[in-house]
C-alpha cells in the first residue's frame, strides 16, 4: 500500500521528509516509509482530492495517525 502526503512546512522548520528518515532510523511504528518528496507551494494544490468515501474511513485514518504520533514521540523522541 502507498500513501501520498502533502506536508505544509514553515521555511524555518526541518522538512517532514527528514523527520520521517530519522523516525525510521529510530524504529518508530505506524508511519509511512518515504520513497520520495516534493515541496508544495500552494494550499489549493495541497488540498486537491482529499475525500473519503465512507465516514468510518476518516475515523480509521485519524485513529491510525494518533497511534503513529504516539510512537513517533515515545520511540522517535519527535514531537509532531
PDB file of N, CA and C in Angstrom:
ATOM      1  N   UNK A   1       0.833  -1.190   0.000  1.00  0.00           N
ATOM      2  CA  UNK A   1       0.000   0.000   0.000  1.00  0.00           C
ATOM      3  C   UNK A   1       0.873   1.247   0.000  1.00  0.00           C
ATOM      4  N   UNK A   2       0.340   2.298  -0.588  1.00  0.00           N
ATOM      5  CA  UNK A   2       1.063   3.557  -0.673  1.00  0.00           C
ATOM      6  C   UNK A   2       0.169   4.689  -0.197  1.00  0.00           C
ATOM      7  N   UNK A   3       0.794   5.766   0.231  1.00  0.00           N
ATOM      8  CA  UNK A   3       0.073   6.965   0.630  1.00  0.00           C
ATOM      9  C   UNK A   3       0.813   8.163   0.043  1.00  0.00           C
ATOM     10  N   UNK A   4       0.049   9.167  -0.340  1.00  0.00           N
ATOM     11  CA  UNK A   4       0.639  10.419  -0.796  1.00  0.00           C
ATOM     12  C   UNK A   4       0.448  11.435   0.310  1.00  0.00           C
ATOM     13  N   UNK A   5       1.516  12.056   0.740  1.00  0.00           N
ATOM     14  CA  UNK A   5       1.459  13.010   1.851  1.00  0.00           C
ATOM     15  C   UNK A   5       1.927  14.359   1.352  1.00  0.00           C
ATOM     16  N   UNK A   6       1.159  15.391   1.669  1.00  0.00           N
ATOM     17  CA  UNK A   6       1.495  16.747   1.269  1.00  0.00           C
ATOM     18  C   UNK A   6       1.684  17.601   2.519  1.00  0.00           C
ATOM     19  N   UNK A   7       2.868  17.579   3.108  1.00  0.00           N
ATOM     20  CA  UNK A   7       3.082  18.363   4.333  1.00  0.00           C
ATOM     21  C   UNK A   7       3.226  19.848   4.032  1.00  0.00           C
ATOM     22  N   UNK A   8       2.800  20.645   4.989  1.00  0.00           N
ATOM     23  CA  UNK A   8       2.948  22.091   4.898  1.00  0.00           C
ATOM     24  C   UNK A   8       3.973  22.473   5.952  1.00  0.00           C
ATOM     25  N   UNK A   9       5.181  22.838   5.530  1.00  0.00           N
ATOM     26  CA  UNK A   9       6.275  23.100   6.458  1.00  0.00           C
ATOM     27  C   UNK A   9       6.715  24.551   6.360  1.00  0.00           C
ATOM     28  N   UNK A  10       6.867  25.191   7.519  1.00  0.00           N
ATOM     29  CA  UNK A  10       7.383  26.559   7.554  1.00  0.00           C
ATOM     30  C   UNK A  10       8.839  26.560   7.081  1.00  0.00           C
ATOM     31  N   UNK A  11       9.272  27.669   6.534  1.00  0.00           N
ATOM     32  CA  UNK A  11      10.630  27.772   5.991  1.00  0.00           C
ATOM     33  C   UNK A  11      11.712  27.478   7.024  1.00  0.00           C
ATOM     34  N   UNK A  12      11.455  27.821   8.288  1.00  0.00           N
ATOM     35  CA  UNK A  12      12.473  27.665   9.324  1.00  0.00           C
ATOM     36  C   UNK A  12      12.472  26.288   9.968  1.00  0.00           C
ATOM     37  N   UNK A  13      11.527  25.435   9.606  1.00  0.00           N
ATOM     38  CA  UNK A  13      11.437  24.106  10.221  1.00  0.00           C
ATOM     39  C   UNK A  13      12.103  23.056   9.351  1.00  0.00           C
ATOM     40  N   UNK A  14      12.492  21.965  10.003  1.00  0.00           N
ATOM     41  CA  UNK A  14      13.097  20.834   9.289  1.00  0.00           C
ATOM     42  C   UNK A  14      12.017  20.179   8.425  1.00  0.00           C
ATOM     43  N   UNK A  15      12.311  19.869   7.166  1.00  0.00           N
ATOM     44  CA  UNK A  15      11.317  19.230   6.292  1.00  0.00           C
ATOM     45  C   UNK A  15      10.837  17.892   6.859  1.00  0.00           C
ATOM     46  N   UNK A  16       9.562  17.590   6.650  1.00  0.00           N
ATOM     47  CA  UNK A  16       8.981  16.361   7.184  1.00  0.00           C
ATOM     48  C   UNK A  16       9.664  15.118   6.633  1.00  0.00           C
ATOM     49  N   UNK A  17      10.144  15.170   5.407  1.00  0.00           N
ATOM     50  CA  UNK A  17      10.853  14.020   4.835  1.00  0.00           C
ATOM     51  C   UNK A  17      12.089  13.683   5.670  1.00  0.00           C
ATOM     52  N   UNK A  18      12.783  14.707   6.170  1.00  0.00           N
ATOM     53  CA  UNK A  18      13.942  14.474   7.037  1.00  0.00           C
ATOM     54  C   UNK A  18      13.509  13.834   8.354  1.00  0.00           C
ATOM     55  N   UNK A  19      12.390  14.307   8.911  1.00  0.00           N
ATOM     56  CA  UNK A  19      11.884  13.733  10.163  1.00  0.00           C
ATOM     57  C   UNK A  19      11.463  12.279   9.969  1.00  0.00           C
ATOM     58  N   UNK A  20      10.873  11.957   8.820  1.00  0.00           N
ATOM     59  CA  UNK A  20      10.496  10.567   8.543  1.00  0.00           C
ATOM     60  C   UNK A  20      11.725   9.661   8.471  1.00  0.00           C
ATOM     61  N   UNK A  21      12.784  10.159   7.864  1.00  0.00           N
ATOM     62  CA  UNK A  21      14.017   9.359   7.797  1.00  0.00           C
ATOM     63  C   UNK A  21      14.566   9.100   9.204  1.00  0.00           C
ATOM     64  N   UNK A  22      14.571  10.120  10.052  1.00  0.00           N
ATOM     65  CA  UNK A  22      15.037   9.966  11.435  1.00  0.00           C
ATOM     66  C   UNK A  22      14.149   8.981  12.180  1.00  0.00           C
ATOM     67  N   UNK A  23      12.844   9.105  12.002  1.00  0.00           N
ATOM     68  CA  UNK A  23      11.902   8.215  12.687  1.00  0.00           C
ATOM     69  C   UNK A  23      12.140   6.760  12.299  1.00  0.00           C
ATOM     70  N   UNK A  24      12.389   6.494  11.031  1.00  0.00           N
ATOM     71  CA  UNK A  24      12.659   5.118  10.592  1.00  0.00           C
ATOM     72  C   UNK A  24      13.970   4.602  11.173  1.00  0.00           C
ATOM     73  N   UNK A  25      14.966   5.469  11.283  1.00  0.00           N
ATOM     74  CA  UNK A  25      16.231   5.068  11.902  1.00  0.00           C
ATOM     75  C   UNK A  25      16.018   4.679  13.365  1.00  0.00           C
ATOM     76  N   UNK A  26      15.033   5.322  14.021  1.00  0.00           N
ATOM     77  CA  UNK A  26      14.740   5.053  15.434  1.00  0.00           C
ATOM     78  C   UNK A  26      13.645   4.004  15.611  1.00  0.00           C
ATOM     79  N   UNK A  27      13.256   3.348  14.519  1.00  0.00           N
ATOM     80  CA  UNK A  27      12.285   2.249  14.514  1.00  0.00           C
ATOM     81  C   UNK A  27      10.911   2.640  15.066  1.00  0.00           C
ATOM     82  N   UNK A  28      10.452   3.835  14.703  1.00  0.00           N
ATOM     83  CA  UNK A  28       9.113   4.284  15.079  1.00  0.00           C
ATOM     84  C   UNK A  28       8.090   3.438  14.330  1.00  0.00           C
ATOM     85  N   UNK A  29       7.021   3.036  15.019  1.00  0.00           N
ATOM     86  CA  UNK A  29       5.985   2.190  14.423  1.00  0.00           C
ATOM     87  C   UNK A  29       4.834   3.020  13.870  1.00  0.00           C
ATOM     88  N   UNK A  30       4.203   2.525  12.806  1.00  0.00           N
ATOM     89  CA  UNK A  30       2.958   3.093  12.303  1.00  0.00           C
ATOM     90  C   UNK A  30       3.100   4.286  11.389  1.00  0.00           C
ATOM     91  N   UNK A  31       4.295   4.555  10.917  1.00  0.00           N
ATOM     92  CA  UNK A  31       4.455   5.680   9.997  1.00  0.00           C
ATOM     93  C   UNK A  31       4.832   5.163   8.613  1.00  0.00           C
ATOM     94  N   UNK A  32       4.528   5.962   7.619  1.00  0.00           N
ATOM     95  CA  UNK A  32       4.815   5.578   6.238  1.00  0.00           C
ATOM     96  C   UNK A  32       6.306   5.695   5.954  1.00  0.00           C
ATOM     97  N   UNK A  33       6.778   4.870   5.038  1.00  0.00           N
ATOM     98  CA  UNK A  33       8.159   4.978   4.584  1.00  0.00           C
ATOM     99  C   UNK A  33       8.180   5.907   3.380  1.00  0.00           C
ATOM    100  N   UNK A  34       8.989   6.924   3.456  1.00  0.00           N
ATOM    101  CA  UNK A  34       9.080   7.895   2.371  1.00  0.00           C
ATOM    102  C   UNK A  34       9.903   7.317   1.223  1.00  0.00           C
ATOM    103  N   UNK A  35       9.335   7.357   0.024  1.00  0.00           N
ATOM    104  CA  UNK A  35      10.075   6.903  -1.155  1.00  0.00           C
ATOM    105  C   UNK A  35      10.393   8.082  -2.077  1.00  0.00           C
ATOM    106  N   UNK A  36      10.010   9.276  -1.656  1.00  0.00           N
ATOM    107  CA  UNK A  36      10.290  10.476  -2.422  1.00  0.00           C
ATOM    108  C   UNK A  36       9.608  11.663  -1.772  1.00  0.00           C
ATOM    109  N   UNK A  37      10.055  12.861  -2.096  1.00  0.00           N
ATOM    110  CA  UNK A  37       9.401  14.046  -1.541  1.00  0.00           C
ATOM    111  C   UNK A  37       9.500  15.192  -2.539  1.00  0.00           C
ATOM    112  N   UNK A  38       8.583  16.137  -2.378  1.00  0.00           N
ATOM    113  CA  UNK A  38       8.494  17.285  -3.273  1.00  0.00           C
ATOM    114  C   UNK A  38       7.876  18.432  -2.488  1.00  0.00           C
ATOM    115  N   UNK A  39       8.367  19.630  -2.678  1.00  0.00           N
ATOM    116  CA  UNK A  39       7.866  20.806  -1.961  1.00  0.00           C
ATOM    117  C   UNK A  39       6.620  21.360  -2.661  1.00  0.00           C
ATOM    118  N   UNK A  40       5.522  21.502  -1.896  1.00  0.00           N
ATOM    119  CA  UNK A  40       4.269  22.089  -2.396  1.00  0.00           C
ATOM    120  C   UNK A  40       4.257  23.560  -1.985  1.00  0.00           C
ATOM    121  N   UNK A  41       3.915  24.438  -2.906  1.00  0.00           N
ATOM    122  CA  UNK A  41       3.968  25.863  -2.599  1.00  0.00           C
ATOM    123  C   UNK A  41       2.603  26.533  -2.489  1.00  0.00           C
ATOM    124  N   UNK A  42       1.527  25.851  -2.878  1.00  0.00           N
ATOM    125  CA  UNK A  42       0.206  26.464  -2.821  1.00  0.00           C
ATOM    126  C   UNK A  42      -0.796  25.606  -2.077  1.00  0.00           C
ATOM    127  N   UNK A  43      -1.659  26.228  -1.278  1.00  0.00           N
ATOM    128  CA  UNK A  43      -2.629  25.483  -0.473  1.00  0.00           C
ATOM    129  C   UNK A  43      -3.671  24.784  -1.346  1.00  0.00           C
ATOM    130  N   UNK A  44      -4.060  25.372  -2.470  1.00  0.00           N
ATOM    131  CA  UNK A  44      -5.022  24.718  -3.364  1.00  0.00           C
ATOM    132  C   UNK A  44      -4.457  23.420  -3.926  1.00  0.00           C
ATOM    133  N   UNK A  45      -3.196  23.439  -4.258  1.00  0.00           N
ATOM    134  CA  UNK A  45      -2.527  22.236  -4.759  1.00  0.00           C
ATOM    135  C   UNK A  45      -2.489  21.154  -3.673  1.00  0.00           C
ATOM    136  N   UNK A  46      -2.320  21.567  -2.426  1.00  0.00           N
ATOM    137  CA  UNK A  46      -2.215  20.626  -1.315  1.00  0.00           C
ATOM    138  C   UNK A  46      -3.550  19.947  -1.010  1.00  0.00           C
ATOM    139  N   UNK A  47      -4.655  20.653  -1.079  1.00  0.00           N
ATOM    140  CA  UNK A  47      -5.967  20.116  -0.692  1.00  0.00           C
ATOM    141  C   UNK A  47      -6.692  19.370  -1.807  1.00  0.00           C
ATOM    142  N   UNK A  48      -6.158  19.376  -2.989  1.00  0.00           N
ATOM    143  CA  UNK A  48      -6.812  18.739  -4.124  1.00  0.00           C
ATOM    144  C   UNK A  48      -7.011  17.241  -3.897  1.00  0.00           C
ATOM    145  N   UNK A  49      -8.255  16.764  -4.060  1.00  0.00           N
ATOM    146  CA  UNK A  49      -8.551  15.333  -3.996  1.00  0.00           C
ATOM    147  C   UNK A  49      -8.695  14.732  -2.615  1.00  0.00           C
ATOM    148  N   UNK A  50      -8.846  15.527  -1.573  1.00  0.00           N
ATOM    149  CA  UNK A  50      -8.975  14.992  -0.214  1.00  0.00           C
ATOM    150  C   UNK A  50     -10.434  14.660   0.090  1.00  0.00           C
ATOM    151  N   UNK A  51     -10.861  13.451  -0.249  1.00  0.00           N
ATOM    152  CA  UNK A  51     -12.224  12.999   0.030  1.00  0.00           C
ATOM    153  C   UNK A  51     -12.182  11.578   0.578  1.00  0.00           C
ATOM    154  N   UNK A  52     -13.186  11.240   1.399  1.00  0.00           N
ATOM    155  CA  UNK A  52     -13.330   9.890   1.943  1.00  0.00           C
ATOM    156  C   UNK A  52     -14.680   9.347   1.507  1.00  0.00           C
ATOM    157  N   UNK A  53     -14.715   8.102   1.035  1.00  0.00           N
ATOM    158  CA  UNK A  53     -15.961   7.512   0.537  1.00  0.00           C
ATOM    159  C   UNK A  53     -16.925   7.160   1.660  1.00  0.00           C
ATOM    160  N   UNK A  54     -16.408   6.758   2.812  1.00  0.00           N
ATOM    161  CA  UNK A  54     -17.259   6.368   3.943  1.00  0.00           C
ATOM    162  C   UNK A  54     -16.767   7.082   5.197  1.00  0.00           C
ATOM    163  N   UNK A  55     -17.691   7.486   6.100  1.00  0.00           N
ATOM    164  CA  UNK A  55     -17.282   8.203   7.321  1.00  0.00           C
ATOM    165  C   UNK A  55     -16.273   7.429   8.164  1.00  0.00           C
ATOM    166  N   UNK A  56     -16.424   6.096   8.247  1.00  0.00           N
ATOM    167  CA  UNK A  56     -15.502   5.334   9.082  1.00  0.00           C
ATOM    168  C   UNK A  56     -14.091   5.310   8.495  1.00  0.00           C
ATOM    169  N   UNK A  57     -13.951   5.570   7.211  1.00  0.00           N
ATOM    170  CA  UNK A  57     -12.615   5.640   6.610  1.00  0.00           C
ATOM    171  C   UNK A  57     -11.823   6.789   7.216  1.00  0.00           C
ATOM    172  N   UNK A  58     -12.489   7.917   7.432  1.00  0.00           N
ATOM    173  CA  UNK A  58     -11.827   9.064   8.058  1.00  0.00           C
ATOM    174  C   UNK A  58     -11.492   8.754   9.510  1.00  0.00           C
ATOM    175  N   UNK A  59     -12.430   8.145  10.243  1.00  0.00           N
ATOM    176  CA  UNK A  59     -12.174   7.798  11.656  1.00  0.00           C
ATOM    177  C   UNK A  59     -10.995   6.845  11.775  1.00  0.00           C
ATOM    178  N   UNK A  60     -10.954   5.862  10.909  1.00  0.00           N
ATOM    179  CA  UNK A  60      -9.860   4.886  10.932  1.00  0.00           C
ATOM    180  C   UNK A  60      -8.520   5.574  10.620  1.00  0.00           C
ATOM    181  N   UNK A  61      -8.524   6.466   9.655  1.00  0.00           N
ATOM    182  CA  UNK A  61      -7.299   7.192   9.309  1.00  0.00           C
ATOM    183  C   UNK A  61      -6.844   8.064  10.474  1.00  0.00           C
ATOM    184  N   UNK A  62      -7.793   8.719  11.152  1.00  0.00           N
ATOM    185  CA  UNK A  62      -7.469   9.561  12.301  1.00  0.00           C
ATOM    186  C   UNK A  62      -6.903   8.721  13.444  1.00  0.00           C
ATOM    187  N   UNK A  63      -7.521   7.568  13.723  1.00  0.00           N
ATOM    188  CA  UNK A  63      -7.038   6.672  14.777  1.00  0.00           C
ATOM    189  C   UNK A  63      -5.606   6.224  14.481  1.00  0.00           C
ATOM    190  N   UNK A  64      -5.356   5.820  13.255  1.00  0.00           N
ATOM    191  CA  UNK A  64      -4.018   5.366  12.878  1.00  0.00           C
ATOM    192  C   UNK A  64      -2.995   6.495  13.006  1.00  0.00           C
ATOM    193  N   UNK A  65      -3.398   7.706  12.658  1.00  0.00           N
ATOM    194  CA  UNK A  65      -2.493   8.852  12.771  1.00  0.00           C
ATOM    195  C   UNK A  65      -2.146   9.132  14.231  1.00  0.00           C
ATOM    196  N   UNK A  66      -3.130   9.021  15.120  1.00  0.00           N
ATOM    197  CA  UNK A  66      -2.883   9.240  16.552  1.00  0.00           C
ATOM    198  C   UNK A  66      -1.913   8.189  17.089  1.00  0.00           C
ATOM    199  N   UNK A  67      -2.115   6.932  16.721  1.00  0.00           N
ATOM    200  CA  UNK A  67      -1.216   5.861  17.165  1.00  0.00           C
ATOM    201  C   UNK A  67       0.210   6.100  16.652  1.00  0.00           C
ATOM    202  N   UNK A  68       0.324   6.519  15.411  1.00  0.00           N
ATOM    203  CA  UNK A  68       1.650   6.765  14.838  1.00  0.00           C
ATOM    204  C   UNK A  68       2.332   7.951  15.517  1.00  0.00           C
ATOM    205  N   UNK A  69       1.572   9.015  15.824  1.00  0.00           N
ATOM    206  CA  UNK A  69       2.150  10.174  16.507  1.00  0.00           C
ATOM    207  C   UNK A  69       2.638   9.798  17.904  1.00  0.00           C
ATOM    208  N   UNK A  70       1.903   8.914  18.577  1.00  0.00           N
ATOM    209  CA  UNK A  70       2.316   8.455  19.912  1.00  0.00           C
ATOM    210  C   UNK A  70       3.644   7.711  19.821  1.00  0.00           C
ATOM    211  N   UNK A  71       3.762   6.807  18.859  1.00  0.00           N
ATOM    212  CA  UNK A  71       5.005   6.063  18.676  1.00  0.00           C
ATOM    213  C   UNK A  71       6.140   6.996  18.254  1.00  0.00           C
ATOM    214  N   UNK A  72       5.824   7.974  17.425  1.00  0.00           N
ATOM    215  CA  UNK A  72       6.817   8.949  16.985  1.00  0.00           C
ATOM    216  C   UNK A  72       7.410   9.679  18.184  1.00  0.00           C
ATOM    217  N   UNK A  73       6.551  10.023  19.158  1.00  0.00           N
ATOM    218  CA  UNK A  73       7.012  10.726  20.356  1.00  0.00           C
ATOM    219  C   UNK A  73       7.757   9.787  21.307  1.00  0.00           C
ATOM    220  N   UNK A  74       7.173   8.613  21.576  1.00  0.00           N
ATOM    221  CA  UNK A  74       7.764   7.704  22.558  1.00  0.00           C
ATOM    222  C   UNK A  74       9.035   7.023  22.056  1.00  0.00           C
ATOM    223  N   UNK A  75       9.025   6.552  20.817  1.00  0.00           N
ATOM    224  CA  UNK A  75      10.189   5.832  20.287  1.00  0.00           C
ATOM    225  C   UNK A  75      11.148   6.738  19.527  1.00  0.00           C
ATOM    226  N   UNK A  76      10.597   7.691  18.806  1.00  0.00           N
ATOM    227  CA  UNK A  76      11.435   8.533  17.958  1.00  0.00           C
ATOM    228  C   UNK A  76      11.916   9.801  18.625  1.00  0.00           C
ATOM    229  N   UNK A  77      11.341  10.122  19.805  1.00  0.00           N
ATOM    230  CA  UNK A  77      11.674  11.355  20.518  1.00  0.00           C
ATOM    231  C   UNK A  77      11.444  12.577  19.623  1.00  0.00           C
ATOM    232  N   UNK A  78      10.362  12.492  18.816  1.00  0.00           N
ATOM    233  CA  UNK A  78       9.985  13.586  17.919  1.00  0.00           C
ATOM    234  C   UNK A  78       8.554  13.989  18.248  1.00  0.00           C
ATOM    235  N   UNK A  79       8.343  15.254  18.605  1.00  0.00           N
ATOM    236  CA  UNK A  79       7.002  15.777  18.860  1.00  0.00           C
ATOM    237  C   UNK A  79       6.528  16.457  17.588  1.00  0.00           C
ATOM    238  N   UNK A  80       5.442  15.925  16.997  1.00  0.00           N
ATOM    239  CA  UNK A  80       4.964  16.424  15.699  1.00  0.00           C
ATOM    240  C   UNK A  80       3.622  17.089  15.875  1.00  0.00           C
TER     241      UNK A  80
END
